[in-house]
Protein backbone atom coordinates (compact mmCIF):
# COMPACT_ATOMS: atom_id res chain seq x y z
CA UNK A 1 65.74 48.83 -17.32
CA UNK A 2 68.78 47.07 -15.90
CA UNK A 3 70.41 44.53 -18.16
CA UNK A 4 72.39 41.50 -17.13
CA UNK A 5 69.92 40.10 -14.53
CA UNK A 6 67.68 37.10 -14.98
CA UNK A 7 65.60 34.88 -12.71
CA UNK A 8 66.40 31.29 -11.71
CA UNK A 9 64.14 28.31 -11.25
CA UNK A 10 63.95 26.08 -8.22
CA UNK A 11 66.38 23.51 -9.60
CA UNK A 12 69.05 26.20 -10.11
CA UNK A 13 68.58 27.83 -6.73
CA UNK A 14 71.40 26.69 -4.44
CA UNK A 15 69.43 27.55 -1.32
CA UNK A 16 66.62 25.19 -2.34
CA UNK A 17 69.05 22.40 -3.11
CA UNK A 18 70.64 22.73 0.29
CA UNK A 19 67.26 22.65 2.02
CA UNK A 20 66.16 19.65 -0.04
CA UNK A 21 69.35 17.78 0.76
CA UNK A 22 68.86 18.51 4.44
CA UNK A 23 65.29 17.15 4.32
CA UNK A 24 66.43 14.06 2.43
CA UNK A 25 68.90 13.30 5.20
CA UNK A 26 66.63 13.99 8.17
CA UNK A 27 63.27 12.63 6.95
CA UNK A 28 62.20 9.09 7.87
CA UNK A 29 61.17 6.88 4.95
CA UNK A 30 59.36 3.53 4.66
CA UNK A 31 61.54 0.45 4.39
CA UNK A 32 60.29 -0.49 0.89
CA UNK A 33 61.90 2.65 -0.57
CA UNK A 34 65.12 0.66 -0.85
CA UNK A 35 63.72 -1.13 -3.90
CA UNK A 36 63.45 0.70 -7.20
CA UNK A 37 60.34 0.72 -9.43
CA UNK A 38 60.49 0.59 -13.22
CA UNK A 39 57.45 2.67 -14.26
CA UNK A 40 57.64 1.23 -17.80
CA UNK A 41 56.28 -2.01 -16.33
CA UNK A 42 53.44 -0.36 -14.36
CA UNK A 43 49.95 0.19 -15.75
CA UNK A 44 49.17 3.79 -14.73
CA UNK A 45 45.60 3.59 -16.04
CA UNK A 46 44.92 1.22 -13.15
CA UNK A 47 46.94 3.16 -10.60
CA UNK A 48 45.45 6.59 -11.29
CA UNK A 49 41.93 5.77 -9.95
CA UNK A 50 43.46 4.32 -6.78
CA UNK A 51 45.57 7.47 -6.28
CA UNK A 52 42.51 9.71 -6.66
CA UNK A 53 40.41 7.60 -4.30
CA UNK A 54 43.18 7.39 -1.67
CA UNK A 55 43.84 11.13 -1.69
CA UNK A 56 40.12 11.85 -1.36
CA UNK A 57 39.87 9.51 1.65
CA UNK A 58 42.86 11.22 3.32
CA UNK A 59 41.80 14.82 2.66
CA UNK A 60 38.02 14.35 2.79
CA UNK A 61 37.52 15.99 -0.61
CA UNK A 62 38.64 15.63 -4.23
CA UNK A 63 41.90 17.29 -5.21
CA UNK A 64 42.63 16.90 -8.92
CA UNK A 65 45.73 19.10 -8.69
CA UNK A 66 47.35 16.77 -6.17
CA UNK A 67 46.36 13.71 -8.20
CA UNK A 68 48.03 15.19 -11.29
CA UNK A 69 51.13 16.07 -9.27
CA UNK A 70 51.55 12.49 -8.04
CA UNK A 71 50.87 11.05 -11.50
CA UNK A 72 53.35 13.39 -13.18
CA UNK A 73 56.11 12.52 -10.74
CA UNK A 74 55.59 8.84 -11.48
CA UNK A 75 55.30 9.14 -15.25
CA UNK A 76 58.04 11.69 -15.96
CA UNK A 77 60.85 9.35 -14.92
CA UNK A 78 61.43 5.67 -15.58
CA UNK A 79 62.82 5.20 -12.04
CA UNK A 80 61.27 7.90 -9.81
CA UNK A 81 62.81 8.73 -6.44
CA UNK A 82 60.25 7.98 -3.70
CA UNK A 83 62.13 10.11 -1.15
CA UNK A 84 61.77 13.26 -3.25
CA UNK A 85 58.10 12.45 -3.84
CA UNK A 86 57.50 12.18 -0.10
CA UNK A 87 59.15 15.55 0.56
CA UNK A 88 57.18 17.28 -2.22
CA UNK A 89 53.85 15.84 -0.98
CA UNK A 90 54.42 16.69 2.68
CA UNK A 91 53.01 20.18 2.18
CA UNK A 92 49.71 18.67 1.00
CA UNK A 93 49.27 15.53 3.09
CA UNK A 94 51.41 16.57 6.09
CA UNK A 95 51.79 13.70 8.59
CA UNK A 96 49.80 11.32 6.36
CA UNK A 97 52.41 11.51 3.58
CA UNK A 98 54.62 8.70 4.88
CA UNK A 99 51.77 6.15 5.11
CA UNK A 100 50.47 7.17 1.68
CA UNK A 101 53.87 6.77 0.02
CA UNK A 102 54.47 3.41 1.75
CA UNK A 103 51.19 2.00 0.43
CA UNK A 104 51.69 3.52 -3.03
CA UNK A 105 55.24 2.21 -3.37
CA UNK A 106 54.18 -1.27 -2.24
CA UNK A 107 51.53 -1.37 -5.00
CA UNK A 108 54.04 -0.16 -7.59
CA UNK A 109 56.52 -2.88 -6.61
CA UNK A 110 53.78 -5.50 -6.97
CA UNK A 111 52.65 -4.06 -10.31
CA UNK A 112 56.09 -4.21 -11.95
CA UNK A 113 56.32 -7.92 -11.14
CA UNK A 114 53.05 -8.82 -12.90
CA UNK A 115 52.64 -9.33 -16.63
CA UNK A 116 49.84 -6.78 -17.10
CA UNK A 117 51.41 -4.22 -14.76
CA UNK A 118 48.53 -4.54 -12.27
CA UNK A 119 49.14 -4.97 -8.52
CA UNK A 120 48.30 -8.39 -7.16
CA UNK A 121 45.99 -6.81 -4.57
CA UNK A 122 43.80 -5.35 -7.34
CA UNK A 123 43.60 -8.74 -9.06
CA UNK A 124 42.54 -10.47 -5.83
CA UNK A 125 39.90 -7.81 -5.15
CA UNK A 126 38.51 -8.23 -8.66
CA UNK A 127 38.32 -12.00 -8.26
CA UNK A 128 36.51 -11.65 -4.92
CA UNK A 129 34.03 -9.23 -6.47
CA UNK A 130 33.32 -11.60 -9.36
CA UNK A 131 32.86 -14.54 -6.97
CA UNK A 132 30.42 -12.52 -4.88
CA UNK A 133 28.37 -11.59 -7.95
CA UNK A 134 28.39 -15.22 -9.09
CA UNK A 135 27.21 -16.37 -5.65
CA UNK A 136 24.40 -13.81 -5.67
CA UNK A 137 23.31 -14.95 -9.14
CA UNK A 138 23.31 -18.60 -8.04
CA UNK A 139 21.25 -17.71 -4.98
CA UNK A 140 18.68 -15.88 -7.12
CA UNK A 141 18.40 -18.80 -9.57
CA UNK A 142 18.01 -21.34 -6.75
CA UNK A 143 15.33 -19.20 -5.13
CA UNK A 144 13.42 -18.99 -8.42
CA UNK A 145 13.61 -22.77 -8.89
CA UNK A 146 12.44 -23.33 -5.29
CA UNK A 147 9.43 -21.08 -5.76
CA UNK A 148 8.54 -22.74 -9.05
CA UNK A 149 8.66 -26.17 -7.38
CA UNK A 150 6.14 -25.15 -4.68
CA UNK A 151 2.54 -25.86 -5.88
CA UNK A 152 0.34 -22.80 -6.00
CA UNK A 153 -2.57 -24.66 -4.33
CA UNK A 154 -3.38 -27.93 -2.56
CA UNK A 155 -5.76 -28.76 -5.42
CA UNK A 156 -3.38 -27.96 -8.26
CA UNK A 157 -4.25 -31.31 -9.90
CA UNK A 158 -7.89 -30.23 -10.44
CA UNK A 159 -8.42 -29.28 -14.11
CA UNK A 160 -9.39 -25.66 -14.61
CA UNK A 161 -11.66 -24.32 -17.30
CA UNK A 162 -10.14 -21.13 -18.78
CA UNK A 163 -13.59 -19.92 -19.85
CA UNK A 164 -15.07 -19.82 -16.34
CA UNK A 165 -15.51 -16.58 -14.45
CA UNK A 166 -13.59 -18.06 -11.51
CA UNK A 167 -10.61 -19.07 -13.64
CA UNK A 168 -7.55 -19.84 -11.56
CA UNK A 169 -9.49 -20.38 -8.32
CA UNK A 170 -9.72 -23.70 -6.51
CA UNK A 171 -13.33 -24.92 -6.14
CA UNK A 172 -14.69 -25.48 -2.65
CA UNK A 173 -16.36 -28.85 -2.24
CA UNK A 174 -19.35 -29.63 -0.05
CA UNK A 175 -17.30 -31.76 2.31
CA UNK A 176 -14.94 -28.82 2.87
CA UNK A 177 -17.85 -26.53 3.69
CA UNK A 178 -19.25 -28.98 6.23
CA UNK A 179 -15.81 -29.61 7.75
CA UNK A 180 -15.57 -26.03 8.98
CA UNK A 181 -15.83 -25.69 12.74
CA UNK A 182 -19.30 -24.52 13.72
CA UNK A 183 -20.74 -25.18 10.25
CA UNK A 184 -24.49 -25.85 10.05
CA UNK A 185 -27.40 -25.40 7.67
CA UNK A 186 -27.42 -21.62 8.29
CA UNK A 187 -23.87 -21.03 6.94
CA UNK A 188 -21.77 -21.84 3.88
CA UNK A 189 -18.31 -21.28 2.33
CA UNK A 190 -18.11 -19.56 -1.06
CA UNK A 191 -15.63 -20.32 -3.88
CA UNK A 192 -13.04 -17.97 -2.37
CA UNK A 193 -13.09 -19.84 0.95
CA UNK A 194 -14.98 -17.11 2.83
CA UNK A 195 -17.17 -18.34 5.72
CA UNK A 196 -20.62 -16.69 5.54
CA UNK A 197 -23.62 -17.04 7.81
CA UNK A 198 -26.91 -17.12 5.89
CA UNK A 199 -29.51 -14.85 7.47
CA UNK A 200 -32.32 -15.34 4.94
CA UNK A 201 -33.55 -18.12 2.70
CA UNK A 202 -31.60 -18.29 -0.58
CA UNK A 203 -32.58 -21.76 -1.76
CA UNK A 204 -29.94 -23.63 0.19
CA UNK A 205 -32.27 -25.11 2.82
CA UNK A 206 -35.94 -26.15 3.11
CA UNK A 207 -38.40 -23.30 2.74
CA UNK A 208 -40.70 -22.21 5.51
CA UNK A 209 -44.24 -23.73 5.56
CA UNK A 210 -46.87 -21.70 3.78
CA UNK A 211 -49.10 -19.57 5.97
CA UNK A 212 -52.64 -20.93 6.30
CA UNK A 213 -55.39 -18.63 4.89
CA UNK A 214 -58.08 -17.46 7.24
CA UNK A 215 -61.72 -18.63 6.68
CA UNK A 216 -62.79 -15.07 5.86
CA UNK A 217 -60.17 -14.77 3.10
CA UNK A 218 -61.25 -18.12 1.60
CA UNK A 219 -64.87 -16.99 1.56
CA UNK A 220 -63.98 -13.70 -0.14
CA UNK A 221 -62.00 -15.47 -2.88
CA UNK A 222 -64.89 -17.94 -3.50
CA UNK A 223 -67.40 -15.06 -3.76
CA UNK A 224 -65.20 -13.21 -6.30
CA UNK A 225 -64.94 -16.34 -8.47
CA UNK A 226 -68.72 -16.79 -8.45
CA UNK A 227 -69.30 -13.19 -9.40
CA UNK A 228 -66.79 -13.54 -12.25
CA UNK A 229 -68.55 -16.58 -13.78
CA UNK A 230 -71.97 -14.94 -13.54
CA UNK A 231 -70.86 -11.79 -15.37
CA UNK A 232 -69.15 -13.56 -18.30
CA UNK A 233 -70.89 -15.59 -21.10
CA UNK A 234 -70.16 -19.30 -21.41
CA UNK A 235 -67.92 -18.88 -24.50
CA UNK A 236 -65.64 -16.36 -22.75
CA UNK A 237 -65.22 -18.32 -19.56
CA UNK A 238 -61.61 -19.37 -18.97
CA UNK A 239 -60.04 -20.92 -15.93
CA UNK A 240 -58.79 -18.21 -13.59
CA UNK A 241 -55.04 -17.81 -13.00
CA UNK A 242 -54.09 -19.38 -9.72
CA UNK A 243 -51.42 -17.50 -7.86
């Protein structure tokens, strides 16, 4: 084993520092990078969900490692350097890094100026969401009141007997049955408003005239009555039952 040799990290490697300095000088940055951000005034609990959602929309999938990398770079220093963040994220987001950092830095600048450390854009979005929910609730309540104001039937003022079999139904009067087009004595309207044509006698109209008995049938009935009275004694005779 050879003694006297040890490894170096990235910060101690001169070659890396030279390459980083070259990238810092040649890379183009958004204009808002000129302003510093005090992360002690920023609410990171609100910013972290936005970072995760934005990265997922840019990559097309969730990347928790990249989300933690961005969050650590913002939280480890009170005044993080946005130029170094852009260079370190270029390997992940490539050409989309500059637009991501510009939008992120703009939100951070807005957040440090608010009392709660929340960007003004988030506050406006929350207000719009609450107003939309309130408008939907008002619309639902107005629709319920409108439906309650509409009477359930044209004859809603008619008292209803809760004990009847047709409870809740509007009775059909005789004048309504006769007012139907084509109504006559051979049709009627039931309690449900259904138009029915009556094919047989059900007591609604005059009955047919009785059929006249033939002379032979009358003579047979008279003969049977005479035979009945002859065969029975006087005490047992009772008037026959007339059908």
